[in-house]
PDB file of N, CA and C in Angstrom:
ATOM      1  N   MET A   1      49.146  61.252 -48.653  1.00  0.00           N
ATOM      2  CA  MET A   1      49.292  62.615 -48.719  1.00  0.00           C
ATOM      3  C   MET A   1      49.507  63.203 -50.057  1.00  0.00           C
ATOM      4  N   SER A   2      49.254  62.580 -50.932  1.00  0.00           N
ATOM      5  CA  SER A   2      49.672  62.995 -52.202  1.00  0.00           C
ATOM      6  C   SER A   2      48.517  64.134 -52.742  1.00  0.00           C
ATOM      7  N   ASN A   3      47.731  64.483 -52.102  1.00  0.00           N
ATOM      8  CA  ASN A   3      46.780  65.530 -52.461  1.00  0.00           C
ATOM      9  C   ASN A   3      47.519  66.786 -51.518  1.00  0.00           C
ATOM     10  N   LEU A   4      48.585  66.711 -50.811  1.00  0.00           N
ATOM     11  CA  LEU A   4      49.170  67.957 -50.336  1.00  0.00           C
ATOM     12  C   LEU A   4      49.954  68.505 -51.518  1.00  0.00           C
ATOM     13  N   ARG A   5      49.427  69.150 -52.316  1.00  0.00           N
ATOM     14  CA  ARG A   5      50.487  69.655 -53.480  1.00  0.00           C
ATOM     15  C   ARG A   5      50.569  71.090 -53.520  1.00  0.00           C
ATOM     16  N   TYR A   6      50.604  71.450 -52.172  1.00  0.00           N
ATOM     17  CA  TYR A   6      50.698  72.973 -51.793  1.00  0.00           C
ATOM     18  C   TYR A   6      52.236  73.510 -51.840  1.00  0.00           C
ATOM     19  N   GLU A   7      52.567  74.659 -51.822  1.00  0.00           N
ATOM     20  CA  GLU A   7      53.773  74.945 -51.540  1.00  0.00           C
ATOM     21  C   GLU A   7      53.924  75.443 -50.080  1.00  0.00           C
ATOM     22  N   MET A   8      55.086  74.958 -49.426  1.00  0.00           N
ATOM     23  CA  MET A   8      55.305  75.448 -48.146  1.00  0.00           C
ATOM     24  C   MET A   8      56.959  76.348 -47.931  1.00  0.00           C
ATOM     25  N   ILE A   9      56.601  77.165 -47.308  1.00  0.00           N
ATOM     26  CA  ILE A   9      57.999  78.017 -47.360  1.00  0.00           C
ATOM     27  C   ILE A   9      58.335  78.054 -45.812  1.00  0.00           C
ATOM     28  N   ILE A  10      59.509  77.427 -45.482  1.00  0.00           N
ATOM     29  CA  ILE A  10      59.834  77.274 -44.019  1.00  0.00           C
ATOM     30  C   ILE A  10      61.125  78.133 -43.922  1.00  0.00           C
ATOM     31  N   VAL A  11      60.924  79.057 -42.942  1.00  0.00           N
ATOM     32  CA  VAL A  11      62.234  80.022 -42.708  1.00  0.00           C
ATOM     33  C   VAL A  11      62.610  79.858 -41.305  1.00  0.00           C
ATOM     34  N   TRP A  12      64.052  80.265 -40.948  1.00  0.00           N
ATOM     35  CA  TRP A  12      64.394  80.622 -39.507  1.00  0.00           C
ATOM     36  C   TRP A  12      63.769  81.592 -38.928  1.00  0.00           C
ATOM     37  N   SER A  13      63.433  81.954 -37.780  1.00  0.00           N
ATOM     38  CA  SER A  13      63.225  83.313 -37.060  1.00  0.00           C
ATOM     39  C   SER A  13      63.956  83.223 -35.928  1.00  0.00           C
ATOM     40  N   GLU A  14      64.891  84.061 -35.894  1.00  0.00           N
ATOM     41  CA  GLU A  14      65.736  84.635 -34.900  1.00  0.00           C
ATOM     42  C   GLU A  14      64.884  85.057 -33.531  1.00  0.00           C
ATOM     43  N   GLU A  15      63.817  85.989 -33.961  1.00  0.00           N
ATOM     44  CA  GLU A  15      63.170  86.691 -32.976  1.00  0.00           C
ATOM     45  C   GLU A  15      62.186  85.552 -32.265  1.00  0.00           C
ATOM     46  N   GLU A  16      61.461  84.528 -33.006  1.00  0.00           N
ATOM     47  CA  GLU A  16      60.911  83.420 -32.380  1.00  0.00           C
ATOM     48  C   GLU A  16      61.397  82.326 -31.830  1.00  0.00           C
ATOM     49  N   ASP A  17      62.590  82.209 -32.354  1.00  0.00           N
ATOM     50  CA  ASP A  17      63.579  81.100 -32.026  1.00  0.00           C
ATOM     51  C   ASP A  17      63.084  79.647 -32.601  1.00  0.00           C
ATOM     52  N   CYS A  18      62.393  79.755 -33.781  1.00  0.00           N
ATOM     53  CA  CYS A  18      61.890  78.451 -34.331  1.00  0.00           C
ATOM     54  C   CYS A  18      61.837  78.681 -35.564  1.00  0.00           C
ATOM     55  N   PHE A  19      61.487  77.737 -36.504  1.00  0.00           N
ATOM     56  CA  PHE A  19      61.266  77.501 -37.917  1.00  0.00           C
ATOM     57  C   PHE A  19      59.785  77.609 -38.262  1.00  0.00           C
ATOM     58  N   LEU A  20      59.499  79.021 -38.960  1.00  0.00           N
ATOM     59  CA  LEU A  20      57.866  79.281 -39.315  1.00  0.00           C
ATOM     60  C   LEU A  20      57.626  78.728 -40.588  1.00  0.00           C
ATOM     61  N   VAL A  21      56.437  78.283 -40.667  1.00  0.00           N
ATOM     62  CA  VAL A  21      55.863  77.814 -41.921  1.00  0.00           C
ATOM     63  C   VAL A  21      54.796  78.814 -42.765  1.00  0.00           C
ATOM     64  N   HIS A  22      55.182  79.089 -43.940  1.00  0.00           N
ATOM     65  CA  HIS A  22      54.143  79.906 -44.545  1.00  0.00           C
ATOM     66  C   HIS A  22      53.492  79.022 -45.624  1.00  0.00           C
ATOM     67  N   LEU A  23      52.317  79.143 -45.869  1.00  0.00           N
ATOM     68  CA  LEU A  23      51.748  78.667 -47.175  1.00  0.00           C
ATOM     69  C   LEU A  23      51.067  79.547 -47.841  1.00  0.00           C
ATOM     70  N   PRO A  24      51.755  79.903 -49.007  1.00  0.00           N
ATOM     71  CA  PRO A  24      51.454  81.102 -49.774  1.00  0.00           C
ATOM     72  C   PRO A  24      50.214  81.022 -50.512  1.00  0.00           C
ATOM     73  N   ASP A  25      49.765  79.708 -50.787  1.00  0.00           N
ATOM     74  CA  ASP A  25      48.428  79.414 -51.449  1.00  0.00           C
ATOM     75  C   ASP A  25      47.276  79.585 -50.507  1.00  0.00           C
ATOM     76  N   PHE A  26      47.541  79.823 -49.445  1.00  0.00           N
ATOM     77  CA  PHE A  26      46.344  80.240 -48.323  1.00  0.00           C
ATOM     78  C   PHE A  26      47.005  81.439 -47.426  1.00  0.00           C
ATOM     79  N   PRO A  27      46.574  82.462 -48.041  1.00  0.00           N
ATOM     80  CA  PRO A  27      47.273  84.053 -47.958  1.00  0.00           C
ATOM     81  C   PRO A  27      46.713  84.669 -46.658  1.00  0.00           C
ATOM     82  N   GLU A  28      45.500  84.100 -46.038  1.00  0.00           N
ATOM     83  CA  GLU A  28      44.843  84.602 -44.965  1.00  0.00           C
ATOM     84  C   GLU A  28      46.046  85.053 -43.578  1.00  0.00           C
ATOM     85  N   GLN A  29      46.979  84.314 -43.524  1.00  0.00           N
ATOM     86  CA  GLN A  29      47.686  84.722 -42.341  1.00  0.00           C
ATOM     87  C   GLN A  29      49.375  84.515 -43.118  1.00  0.00           C
ATOM     88  N   THR A  30      50.226  85.100 -42.520  1.00  0.00           N
ATOM     89  CA  THR A  30      51.480  85.021 -43.094  1.00  0.00           C
ATOM     90  C   THR A  30      52.359  83.662 -42.739  1.00  0.00           C
ATOM     91  N   TYR A  31      51.969  83.334 -41.313  1.00  0.00           N
ATOM     92  CA  TYR A  31      52.725  82.304 -41.027  1.00  0.00           C
ATOM     93  C   TYR A  31      51.543  81.224 -40.396  1.00  0.00           C
ATOM     94  N   ARG A  32      51.419  80.276 -40.834  1.00  0.00           N
ATOM     95  CA  ARG A  32      50.240  79.014 -40.322  1.00  0.00           C
ATOM     96  C   ARG A  32      50.770  78.419 -39.268  1.00  0.00           C
ATOM     97  N   THR A  33      51.990  77.926 -39.165  1.00  0.00           N
ATOM     98  CA  THR A  33      52.771  77.212 -38.136  1.00  0.00           C
ATOM     99  C   THR A  33      54.053  77.184 -37.577  1.00  0.00           C
ATOM    100  N   HIS A  34      54.602  76.458 -37.192  1.00  0.00           N
ATOM    101  CA  HIS A  34      56.136  76.385 -36.679  1.00  0.00           C
ATOM    102  C   HIS A  34      56.600  75.099 -36.187  1.00  0.00           C
ATOM    103  N   GLY A  35      57.846  75.217 -35.908  1.00  0.00           N
ATOM    104  CA  GLY A  35      58.478  74.046 -35.268  1.00  0.00           C
ATOM    105  C   GLY A  35      59.902  74.182 -34.733  1.00  0.00           C
ATOM    106  N   SER A  36      60.436  73.244 -33.733  1.00  0.00           N
ATOM    107  CA  SER A  36      61.653  73.857 -33.123  1.00  0.00           C
ATOM    108  C   SER A  36      62.834  73.369 -34.153  1.00  0.00           C
ATOM    109  N   SER A  37      62.579  72.474 -34.988  1.00  0.00           N
ATOM    110  CA  SER A  37      63.424  71.890 -35.769  1.00  0.00           C
ATOM    111  C   SER A  37      62.676  72.027 -37.289  1.00  0.00           C
ATOM    112  N   TYR A  38      63.660  71.889 -38.046  1.00  0.00           N
ATOM    113  CA  TYR A  38      62.980  71.837 -39.522  1.00  0.00           C
ATOM    114  C   TYR A  38      61.812  70.601 -39.902  1.00  0.00           C
ATOM    115  N   GLU A  39      62.470  69.487 -39.505  1.00  0.00           N
ATOM    116  CA  GLU A  39      61.662  68.264 -39.769  1.00  0.00           C
ATOM    117  C   GLU A  39      59.904  68.514 -38.938  1.00  0.00           C
ATOM    118  N   GLU A  40      60.300  69.196 -37.583  1.00  0.00           N
ATOM    119  CA  GLU A  40      58.895  69.511 -37.057  1.00  0.00           C
ATOM    120  C   GLU A  40      57.880  70.215 -37.725  1.00  0.00           C
ATOM    121  N   ALA A  41      58.708  71.350 -38.304  1.00  0.00           N
ATOM    122  CA  ALA A  41      57.940  72.431 -38.827  1.00  0.00           C
ATOM    123  C   ALA A  41      57.448  71.985 -40.301  1.00  0.00           C
ATOM    124  N   VAL A  42      58.017  70.652 -40.801  1.00  0.00           N
ATOM    125  CA  VAL A  42      57.616  70.119 -41.878  1.00  0.00           C
ATOM    126  C   VAL A  42      56.199  69.325 -41.629  1.00  0.00           C
ATOM    127  N   ARG A  43      56.439  68.579 -40.423  1.00  0.00           N
ATOM    128  CA  ARG A  43      55.234  67.553 -39.901  1.00  0.00           C
ATOM    129  C   ARG A  43      54.274  68.453 -39.665  1.00  0.00           C
ATOM    130  N   ASN A  44      54.479  69.781 -39.063  1.00  0.00           N
ATOM    131  CA  ASN A  44      53.288  70.769 -38.665  1.00  0.00           C
ATOM    132  C   ASN A  44      52.697  71.327 -39.554  1.00  0.00           C
ATOM    133  N   GLY A  45      53.474  71.580 -40.578  1.00  0.00           N
ATOM    134  CA  GLY A  45      52.896  72.102 -41.927  1.00  0.00           C
ATOM    135  C   GLY A  45      52.177  71.375 -42.747  1.00  0.00           C
ATOM    136  N   ARG A  46      52.615  69.841 -42.922  1.00  0.00           N
ATOM    137  CA  ARG A  46      51.619  69.025 -43.598  1.00  0.00           C
ATOM    138  C   ARG A  46      50.569  68.881 -42.829  1.00  0.00           C
ATOM    139  N   GLU A  47      50.407  68.694 -41.362  1.00  0.00           N
ATOM    140  CA  GLU A  47      49.235  68.558 -40.793  1.00  0.00           C
ATOM    141  C   GLU A  47      48.095  69.941 -41.007  1.00  0.00           C
ATOM    142  N   VAL A  48      48.869  71.101 -40.903  1.00  0.00           N
ATOM    143  CA  VAL A  48      47.786  72.216 -41.127  1.00  0.00           C
ATOM    144  C   VAL A  48      47.247  72.094 -42.549  1.00  0.00           C
ATOM    145  N   LEU A  49      48.076  71.571 -43.556  1.00  0.00           N
ATOM    146  CA  LEU A  49      47.693  71.346 -44.897  1.00  0.00           C
ATOM    147  C   LEU A  49      46.288  70.302 -44.672  1.00  0.00           C
ATOM    148  N   GLN A  50      46.556  69.114 -44.084  1.00  0.00           N
ATOM    149  CA  GLN A  50      45.548  68.165 -44.279  1.00  0.00           C
ATOM    150  C   GLN A  50      44.383  68.746 -43.469  1.00  0.00           C
ATOM    151  N   LEU A  51      44.263  69.601 -42.449  1.00  0.00           N
ATOM    152  CA  LEU A  51      43.151  70.126 -41.922  1.00  0.00           C
ATOM    153  C   LEU A  51      42.406  70.984 -42.906  1.00  0.00           C
ATOM    154  N   LEU A  52      43.004  71.885 -43.335  1.00  0.00           N
ATOM    155  CA  LEU A  52      42.879  72.791 -44.330  1.00  0.00           C
ATOM    156  C   LEU A  52      41.818  72.099 -45.710  1.00  0.00           C
ATOM    157  N   LEU A  53      42.407  70.806 -46.113  1.00  0.00           N
ATOM    158  CA  LEU A  53      41.874  70.256 -47.076  1.00  0.00           C
ATOM    159  C   LEU A  53      40.579  69.504 -46.653  1.00  0.00           C
ATOM    160  N   GLU A  54      40.381  69.368 -45.590  1.00  0.00           N
ATOM    161  CA  GLU A  54      39.294  68.496 -44.773  1.00  0.00           C
ATOM    162  C   GLU A  54      38.225  69.557 -44.206  1.00  0.00           C
ATOM    163  N   GLU A  55      38.409  70.849 -44.086  1.00  0.00           N
ATOM    164  CA  GLU A  55      37.519  71.978 -44.030  1.00  0.00           C
ATOM    165  C   GLU A  55      36.476  71.816 -44.942  1.00  0.00           C
ATOM    166  N   ASP A  56      35.125  71.907 -44.331  1.00  0.00           N
ATOM    167  CA  ASP A  56      33.758  71.605 -45.226  1.00  0.00           C
ATOM    168  C   ASP A  56      33.565  73.148 -45.608  1.00  0.00           C
ATOM    169  N   GLY A  57      33.031  73.183 -46.881  1.00  0.00           N
ATOM    170  CA  GLY A  57      32.474  74.221 -47.512  1.00  0.00           C
ATOM    171  C   GLY A  57      33.410  75.417 -47.703  1.00  0.00           C
ATOM    172  N   LEU A  58      34.590  75.236 -47.646  1.00  0.00           N
ATOM    173  CA  LEU A  58      35.623  76.264 -48.034  1.00  0.00           C
ATOM    174  C   LEU A  58      36.555  75.908 -49.315  1.00  0.00           C
ATOM    175  N   PRO A  59      36.160  76.840 -50.600  1.00  0.00           N
ATOM    176  CA  PRO A  59      36.797  76.783 -51.791  1.00  0.00           C
ATOM    177  C   PRO A  59      38.303  76.493 -51.317  1.00  0.00           C
ATOM    178  N   LEU A  60      39.107  75.515 -52.105  1.00  0.00           N
ATOM    179  CA  LEU A  60      40.600  75.399 -51.884  1.00  0.00           C
ATOM    180  C   LEU A  60      40.951  76.039 -53.187  1.00  0.00           C
ATOM    181  N   PRO A  61      42.198  76.608 -52.749  1.00  0.00           N
ATOM    182  CA  PRO A  61      42.936  77.496 -53.828  1.00  0.00           C
ATOM    183  C   PRO A  61      43.614  76.416 -54.862  1.00  0.00           C
ATOM    184  N   GLU A  62      43.854  76.820 -55.908  1.00  0.00           N
ATOM    185  CA  GLU A  62      44.542  75.983 -57.010  1.00  0.00           C
ATOM    186  C   GLU A  62      46.081  76.148 -56.667  1.00  0.00           C
ATOM    187  N   PRO A  63      46.824  74.925 -56.303  1.00  0.00           N
ATOM    188  CA  PRO A  63      48.175  75.269 -55.978  1.00  0.00           C
ATOM    189  C   PRO A  63      49.155  76.122 -57.228  1.00  0.00           C
ATOM    190  N   LYS A  64      49.797  76.890 -56.549  1.00  0.00           N
ATOM    191  CA  LYS A  64      50.331  77.763 -57.667  1.00  0.00           C
ATOM    192  C   LYS A  64      51.658  77.226 -58.253  1.00  0.00           C
ATOM    193  N   PHE A  65      52.237  76.302 -57.461  1.00  0.00           N
ATOM    194  CA  PHE A  65      53.210  75.995 -58.003  1.00  0.00           C
ATOM    195  C   PHE A  65      53.240  74.200 -58.247  1.00  0.00           C
ATOM    196  N   SER A  66      53.564  73.814 -59.397  1.00  0.00           N
ATOM    197  CA  SER A  66      53.342  72.344 -59.642  1.00  0.00           C
ATOM    198  C   SER A  66      54.816  71.797 -60.257  1.00  0.00           C
ATOM    199  N   VAL A  67      55.112  70.575 -59.992  1.00  0.00           N
ATOM    200  CA  VAL A  67      56.452  69.959 -60.465  1.00  0.00           C
ATOM    201  C   VAL A  67      55.738  68.760 -61.294  1.00  0.00           C
ATOM    202  N   ALA A  68      56.448  68.769 -62.474  1.00  0.00           N
ATOM    203  CA  ALA A  68      55.999  67.661 -63.372  1.00  0.00           C
ATOM    204  C   ALA A  68      56.586  66.263 -62.889  1.00  0.00           C
ATOM    205  N   GLN A  69      55.688  65.424 -62.918  1.00  0.00           N
ATOM    206  CA  GLN A  69      55.820  63.793 -62.372  1.00  0.00           C
ATOM    207  C   GLN A  69      56.154  62.995 -63.519  1.00  0.00           C
TER     208      GLN A  69
END
């Protein structure tokens, strides 16, 4: 999963009663997925990123955030 170099913002929503996952490099939707726990939200966010990277014919955005390794 080293190709998943995109930022995930995970926030708690009192209204939705779950953690919401935002992928700012993919601005088409404010929130892409969610989870009842933080860990589930992370897993679901990674799954969505993997699906986005596998879509054929769509250009991928450059990750806006990069950490030196």
